[in-house]
């Protein structure tokens, strides 16, 4: 039997089928779970092809959602890996280029404000 990648519904992860046996009318597969680095036996009925549940129109939205969530999580945890200046959030499809007056107001430190006076 050729090694085949499947999706284990028991372990909710991708797995590689190493061996397939039929015992007492039940087909059982030995699979390798790379996420757990373990070899286990699972019923053949609990395995599905990796591409069985993929719908390209849904997957594109799912990937965009996960990427946006990761971007927001990075900002919320205060990561300064990209820049030292404050991070601007914008839609993923756009390239943000601040206008000159926006750069000036973002760069102005709060410490130069005089109490009781508003600065524009």
N, C-alpha and C. Protein backbone atom coordinates (compact mmCIF):
# COMPACT_ATOMS: atom_id res chain seq x y z
N UNK A 1 0.84 -1.18 0.00
CA UNK A 1 0.00 0.00 0.00
C UNK A 1 0.88 1.24 0.00
N UNK A 2 0.49 2.20 -0.77
CA UNK A 2 1.21 3.46 -0.86
C UNK A 2 0.86 4.34 0.34
N UNK A 3 1.86 5.08 0.89
CA UNK A 3 1.59 5.98 2.01
C UNK A 3 0.69 7.11 1.54
N UNK A 4 -0.41 7.32 2.26
CA UNK A 4 -1.41 8.31 1.88
C UNK A 4 -1.67 9.22 3.07
N UNK A 5 -1.79 10.52 2.80
CA UNK A 5 -2.15 11.47 3.84
C UNK A 5 -3.66 11.55 3.93
N UNK A 6 -4.18 11.48 5.14
CA UNK A 6 -5.61 11.52 5.40
C UNK A 6 -5.87 12.50 6.55
N UNK A 7 -7.14 12.73 6.85
CA UNK A 7 -7.53 13.54 8.00
C UNK A 7 -8.21 12.63 9.00
N UNK A 8 -7.69 12.57 10.23
CA UNK A 8 -8.27 11.74 11.27
C UNK A 8 -9.32 12.54 12.04
N UNK A 9 -10.56 12.09 11.97
CA UNK A 9 -11.63 12.78 12.70
C UNK A 9 -11.54 12.50 14.20
N UNK A 10 -10.87 11.42 14.58
CA UNK A 10 -10.68 11.09 15.99
C UNK A 10 -9.70 12.07 16.63
N UNK A 11 -8.61 12.38 15.93
CA UNK A 11 -7.56 13.24 16.47
C UNK A 11 -7.63 14.68 15.95
N UNK A 12 -8.54 14.94 15.03
CA UNK A 12 -8.69 16.27 14.43
C UNK A 12 -7.38 16.82 13.88
N UNK A 13 -6.68 15.99 13.13
CA UNK A 13 -5.43 16.44 12.53
C UNK A 13 -5.10 15.57 11.33
N UNK A 14 -4.16 16.06 10.53
CA UNK A 14 -3.69 15.30 9.38
C UNK A 14 -2.85 14.13 9.87
N UNK A 15 -2.89 13.04 9.13
CA UNK A 15 -2.11 11.87 9.51
C UNK A 15 -1.67 11.12 8.25
N UNK A 16 -0.63 10.34 8.40
CA UNK A 16 -0.12 9.55 7.28
C UNK A 16 -0.41 8.09 7.55
N UNK A 17 -1.12 7.43 6.62
CA UNK A 17 -1.47 6.02 6.78
C UNK A 17 -0.22 5.19 6.50
N UNK A 18 0.18 4.41 7.50
CA UNK A 18 1.38 3.57 7.36
C UNK A 18 1.00 2.15 6.95
N UNK A 19 -0.07 1.66 7.55
CA UNK A 19 -0.46 0.27 7.34
C UNK A 19 -1.97 0.14 7.49
N UNK A 20 -2.54 -0.78 6.74
CA UNK A 20 -3.99 -1.03 6.81
C UNK A 20 -4.21 -2.51 7.02
N UNK A 21 -5.03 -2.88 8.01
CA UNK A 21 -5.31 -4.29 8.31
C UNK A 21 -6.81 -4.48 8.47
N UNK A 22 -7.28 -5.66 8.11
CA UNK A 22 -8.67 -6.01 8.35
C UNK A 22 -8.69 -7.12 9.39
N UNK A 23 -9.26 -6.81 10.56
CA UNK A 23 -9.34 -7.77 11.65
C UNK A 23 -10.80 -7.94 12.04
N UNK A 24 -11.30 -9.18 12.00
CA UNK A 24 -12.68 -9.50 12.37
C UNK A 24 -13.69 -8.62 11.64
N UNK A 25 -13.46 -8.37 10.37
CA UNK A 25 -14.38 -7.59 9.55
C UNK A 25 -14.25 -6.08 9.71
N UNK A 26 -13.37 -5.62 10.56
CA UNK A 26 -13.14 -4.19 10.76
C UNK A 26 -11.80 -3.81 10.13
N UNK A 27 -11.80 -2.76 9.33
CA UNK A 27 -10.55 -2.27 8.75
C UNK A 27 -9.97 -1.22 9.68
N UNK A 28 -8.73 -1.47 10.10
CA UNK A 28 -8.04 -0.59 11.03
C UNK A 28 -6.75 -0.13 10.37
N UNK A 29 -6.42 1.13 10.56
CA UNK A 29 -5.20 1.69 9.97
C UNK A 29 -4.23 2.14 11.05
N UNK A 30 -2.98 1.86 10.84
CA UNK A 30 -1.93 2.45 11.68
C UNK A 30 -1.55 3.76 11.02
N UNK A 31 -1.63 4.85 11.77
CA UNK A 31 -1.34 6.16 11.20
C UNK A 31 -0.30 6.88 12.05
N UNK A 32 0.45 7.74 11.39
CA UNK A 32 1.42 8.58 12.08
C UNK A 32 0.83 9.98 12.20
N UNK A 33 0.81 10.50 13.42
CA UNK A 33 0.31 11.85 13.69
C UNK A 33 1.52 12.77 13.88
N UNK A 34 1.87 13.57 12.87
CA UNK A 34 3.07 14.41 12.98
C UNK A 34 2.97 15.47 14.07
N UNK A 35 1.77 15.96 14.39
CA UNK A 35 1.63 16.97 15.44
C UNK A 35 1.98 16.41 16.82
N UNK A 36 1.73 15.12 17.01
CA UNK A 36 2.00 14.48 18.30
C UNK A 36 3.21 13.57 18.24
N UNK A 37 3.76 13.37 17.05
CA UNK A 37 4.87 12.45 16.80
C UNK A 37 4.55 11.08 17.41
N UNK A 38 3.37 10.57 17.03
CA UNK A 38 2.91 9.29 17.57
C UNK A 38 2.31 8.44 16.45
N UNK A 39 2.40 7.12 16.64
CA UNK A 39 1.77 6.17 15.72
C UNK A 39 0.64 5.50 16.49
N UNK A 40 -0.57 5.57 15.92
CA UNK A 40 -1.75 5.01 16.59
C UNK A 40 -2.59 4.22 15.58
N UNK A 41 -3.50 3.42 16.11
CA UNK A 41 -4.44 2.67 15.27
C UNK A 41 -5.80 3.37 15.34
N UNK A 42 -6.41 3.54 14.18
CA UNK A 42 -7.74 4.15 14.12
C UNK A 42 -8.59 3.37 13.12
N UNK A 43 -9.91 3.36 13.30
CA UNK A 43 -10.78 2.70 12.32
C UNK A 43 -10.70 3.42 10.97
N UNK A 44 -10.74 2.68 9.90
CA UNK A 44 -10.68 3.26 8.55
C UNK A 44 -11.83 4.23 8.33
N UNK A 45 -12.96 3.98 8.97
CA UNK A 45 -14.13 4.84 8.79
C UNK A 45 -13.94 6.24 9.38
N UNK A 46 -12.95 6.40 10.26
CA UNK A 46 -12.71 7.72 10.87
C UNK A 46 -11.69 8.54 10.09
N UNK A 47 -11.25 8.03 8.94
CA UNK A 47 -10.29 8.77 8.10
C UNK A 47 -10.99 9.34 6.88
N UNK A 48 -10.59 10.55 6.52
CA UNK A 48 -11.14 11.20 5.32
C UNK A 48 -9.99 11.75 4.48
N UNK A 49 -10.19 11.85 3.18
CA UNK A 49 -9.16 12.49 2.36
C UNK A 49 -8.97 13.94 2.79
N UNK A 50 -7.75 14.44 2.72
CA UNK A 50 -7.47 15.82 3.15
C UNK A 50 -8.29 16.83 2.38
N UNK A 51 -8.55 16.59 1.12
CA UNK A 51 -9.26 17.56 0.29
C UNK A 51 -10.77 17.37 0.30
N UNK A 52 -11.29 16.45 1.11
CA UNK A 52 -12.73 16.15 1.07
C UNK A 52 -13.60 17.33 1.46
N UNK A 53 -13.20 18.08 2.47
CA UNK A 53 -14.05 19.15 2.96
C UNK A 53 -13.59 20.53 2.53
N UNK A 54 -12.70 20.60 1.57
CA UNK A 54 -12.21 21.91 1.13
C UNK A 54 -13.16 22.52 0.11
N UNK A 55 -13.54 23.74 0.36
CA UNK A 55 -14.35 24.53 -0.56
C UNK A 55 -13.57 25.81 -0.81
N UNK A 56 -12.99 25.98 -1.99
CA UNK A 56 -12.12 27.14 -2.25
C UNK A 56 -12.76 28.48 -1.91
N UNK A 57 -14.04 28.65 -2.17
CA UNK A 57 -14.67 29.93 -1.88
C UNK A 57 -14.74 30.21 -0.38
N UNK A 58 -14.84 29.16 0.43
CA UNK A 58 -14.86 29.32 1.88
C UNK A 58 -13.44 29.43 2.43
N UNK A 59 -12.53 28.65 1.88
CA UNK A 59 -11.14 28.64 2.38
C UNK A 59 -10.47 30.00 2.20
N UNK A 60 -10.76 30.70 1.12
CA UNK A 60 -10.14 32.02 0.90
C UNK A 60 -10.56 32.97 2.02
N UNK A 61 -11.83 32.96 2.39
CA UNK A 61 -12.31 33.80 3.48
C UNK A 61 -11.74 33.37 4.82
N UNK A 62 -11.58 32.06 5.02
CA UNK A 62 -11.02 31.55 6.26
C UNK A 62 -9.56 31.96 6.42
N UNK A 63 -8.80 31.90 5.35
CA UNK A 63 -7.39 32.30 5.40
C UNK A 63 -7.28 33.79 5.68
N UNK A 64 -8.12 34.60 5.05
CA UNK A 64 -8.10 36.05 5.30
C UNK A 64 -8.47 36.33 6.75
N UNK A 65 -9.43 35.60 7.30
CA UNK A 65 -9.84 35.78 8.69
C UNK A 65 -8.70 35.45 9.65
N UNK A 66 -8.03 34.33 9.42
CA UNK A 66 -6.93 33.91 10.30
C UNK A 66 -5.77 34.89 10.21
N UNK A 67 -5.46 35.38 9.01
CA UNK A 67 -4.38 36.35 8.85
C UNK A 67 -4.71 37.66 9.55
N UNK A 68 -5.93 38.12 9.43
CA UNK A 68 -6.34 39.36 10.10
C UNK A 68 -6.32 39.20 11.62
N UNK A 69 -6.77 38.06 12.11
CA UNK A 69 -6.75 37.81 13.55
C UNK A 69 -5.33 37.77 14.08
N UNK A 70 -4.42 37.18 13.32
CA UNK A 70 -3.01 37.14 13.74
C UNK A 70 -2.40 38.54 13.77
N UNK A 71 -2.79 39.35 12.80
CA UNK A 71 -2.29 40.73 12.75
C UNK A 71 -2.77 41.53 13.97
N UNK A 72 -4.04 41.40 14.31
CA UNK A 72 -4.60 42.10 15.46
C UNK A 72 -3.97 41.58 16.75
N UNK A 73 -3.78 40.28 16.87
CA UNK A 73 -3.17 39.70 18.06
C UNK A 73 -1.74 40.21 18.24
N UNK A 74 -1.02 40.35 17.15
CA UNK A 74 0.35 40.87 17.21
C UNK A 74 0.36 42.30 17.72
N UNK A 75 -0.57 43.11 17.25
CA UNK A 75 -0.65 44.51 17.68
C UNK A 75 -1.04 44.57 19.16
N UNK A 76 -2.01 43.74 19.57
CA UNK A 76 -2.48 43.77 20.96
C UNK A 76 -1.41 43.34 21.95
N UNK A 77 -0.54 42.43 21.52
CA UNK A 77 0.51 42.01 22.45
C UNK A 77 1.68 42.97 22.47
N UNK A 78 1.64 44.00 21.61
CA UNK A 78 2.65 45.05 21.65
C UNK A 78 3.94 44.69 20.95
N UNK A 79 3.89 43.82 19.99
CA UNK A 79 5.09 43.44 19.27
C UNK A 79 5.64 44.61 18.48
N UNK A 80 6.94 44.83 18.59
CA UNK A 80 7.58 45.92 17.84
C UNK A 80 8.56 45.36 16.82
N UNK A 81 8.25 44.17 16.31
CA UNK A 81 9.17 43.53 15.37
C UNK A 81 9.24 44.25 14.04
N UNK A 82 8.18 44.94 13.63
CA UNK A 82 8.17 45.60 12.33
C UNK A 82 8.73 47.01 12.43
N UNK A 83 8.21 47.79 13.34
CA UNK A 83 8.65 49.17 13.49
C UNK A 83 8.68 49.56 14.96
N UNK A 84 9.35 50.65 15.24
CA UNK A 84 9.40 51.15 16.60
C UNK A 84 8.26 52.13 16.83
N UNK A 85 7.81 52.79 15.78
CA UNK A 85 6.73 53.76 15.90
C UNK A 85 5.40 53.05 16.08
N UNK A 86 4.36 53.76 16.50
CA UNK A 86 3.04 53.13 16.71
C UNK A 86 2.54 52.48 15.42
N UNK A 87 1.84 51.38 15.58
CA UNK A 87 1.32 50.62 14.45
C UNK A 87 -0.05 51.16 14.06
N UNK A 88 -0.28 51.32 12.76
CA UNK A 88 -1.58 51.73 12.25
C UNK A 88 -2.29 50.51 11.71
N UNK A 89 -3.54 50.33 12.10
CA UNK A 89 -4.31 49.22 11.57
C UNK A 89 -5.14 49.70 10.39
N UNK A 90 -5.22 48.88 9.36
CA UNK A 90 -5.99 49.20 8.17
C UNK A 90 -6.47 47.89 7.56
N UNK A 91 -7.42 47.96 6.66
CA UNK A 91 -7.84 46.73 5.98
C UNK A 91 -6.66 46.06 5.30
N UNK A 92 -6.70 44.73 5.25
CA UNK A 92 -5.57 43.98 4.69
C UNK A 92 -5.30 44.35 3.23
N UNK A 93 -6.33 44.73 2.49
CA UNK A 93 -6.16 45.00 1.07
C UNK A 93 -5.50 46.35 0.80
N UNK A 94 -5.43 47.22 1.80
CA UNK A 94 -4.93 48.57 1.54
C UNK A 94 -3.51 48.76 2.04
N UNK A 95 -2.82 49.68 1.39
CA UNK A 95 -1.50 50.10 1.85
C UNK A 95 -1.70 51.46 2.50
N UNK A 96 -1.37 51.58 3.76
CA UNK A 96 -1.61 52.81 4.49
C UNK A 96 -0.41 53.73 4.32
N UNK A 97 -0.68 54.90 3.81
CA UNK A 97 0.34 55.95 3.73
C UNK A 97 -0.25 57.16 4.43
N UNK A 98 0.24 57.48 5.64
CA UNK A 98 -0.35 58.61 6.36
C UNK A 98 -0.07 59.93 5.66
N UNK A 99 -1.03 60.83 5.75
CA UNK A 99 -0.87 62.16 5.19
C UNK A 99 0.07 62.96 6.09
N UNK A 100 0.69 64.02 5.57
CA UNK A 100 1.66 64.77 6.37
C UNK A 100 1.13 65.24 7.71
N UNK A 101 -0.11 65.75 7.75
CA UNK A 101 -0.64 66.23 9.03
C UNK A 101 -0.89 65.08 10.00
N UNK A 102 -1.16 63.88 9.49
CA UNK A 102 -1.34 62.73 10.36
C UNK A 102 -0.01 62.29 10.95
N UNK A 103 1.05 62.35 10.14
CA UNK A 103 2.38 62.00 10.65
C UNK A 103 2.81 62.97 11.73
N UNK A 104 2.53 64.26 11.51
CA UNK A 104 2.93 65.27 12.49
C UNK A 104 2.21 65.06 13.82
N UNK A 105 0.91 64.82 13.77
CA UNK A 105 0.16 64.65 15.02
C UNK A 105 0.51 63.32 15.70
N UNK A 106 0.84 62.31 14.93
CA UNK A 106 1.23 61.03 15.53
C UNK A 106 2.60 61.12 16.17
N UNK A 107 3.48 61.97 15.62
CA UNK A 107 4.83 62.09 16.14
C UNK A 107 4.91 63.05 17.32
N UNK A 108 3.91 63.92 17.52
CA UNK A 108 3.96 64.91 18.59
C UNK A 108 3.81 64.22 19.94
N UNK A 109 4.78 64.37 20.81
CA UNK A 109 4.68 63.72 22.12
C UNK A 109 3.66 64.43 23.00
N UNK A 110 2.98 63.68 23.83
CA UNK A 110 1.98 64.25 24.73
C UNK A 110 2.61 65.14 25.79
N UNK A 111 3.89 64.96 26.06
CA UNK A 111 4.54 65.71 27.13
C UNK A 111 4.70 67.19 26.80
N UNK A 112 4.62 67.57 25.53
CA UNK A 112 4.79 68.98 25.19
C UNK A 112 3.49 69.77 25.31
N UNK A 113 2.39 69.08 25.68
CA UNK A 113 1.13 69.78 25.87
C UNK A 113 1.15 70.54 27.19
N UNK A 114 0.74 71.75 27.17
CA UNK A 114 0.66 72.57 28.37
C UNK A 114 -0.69 72.33 29.01
N UNK A 115 -0.73 72.03 30.32
CA UNK A 115 -2.02 71.78 30.95
C UNK A 115 -2.97 72.97 30.79
N UNK A 116 -4.21 72.67 30.42
CA UNK A 116 -5.20 73.72 30.25
C UNK A 116 -5.22 74.30 28.85
N UNK A 117 -4.29 73.93 27.98
CA UNK A 117 -4.24 74.43 26.60
C UNK A 117 -4.45 73.30 25.63
N UNK A 118 -5.17 73.52 24.63
CA UNK A 118 -5.38 72.53 23.56
C UNK A 118 -4.46 72.85 22.43
N UNK A 119 -3.89 71.83 21.83
CA UNK A 119 -2.99 72.02 20.70
C UNK A 119 -3.62 71.40 19.48
N UNK A 120 -3.54 72.07 18.36
CA UNK A 120 -4.10 71.54 17.12
C UNK A 120 -3.02 71.10 16.20
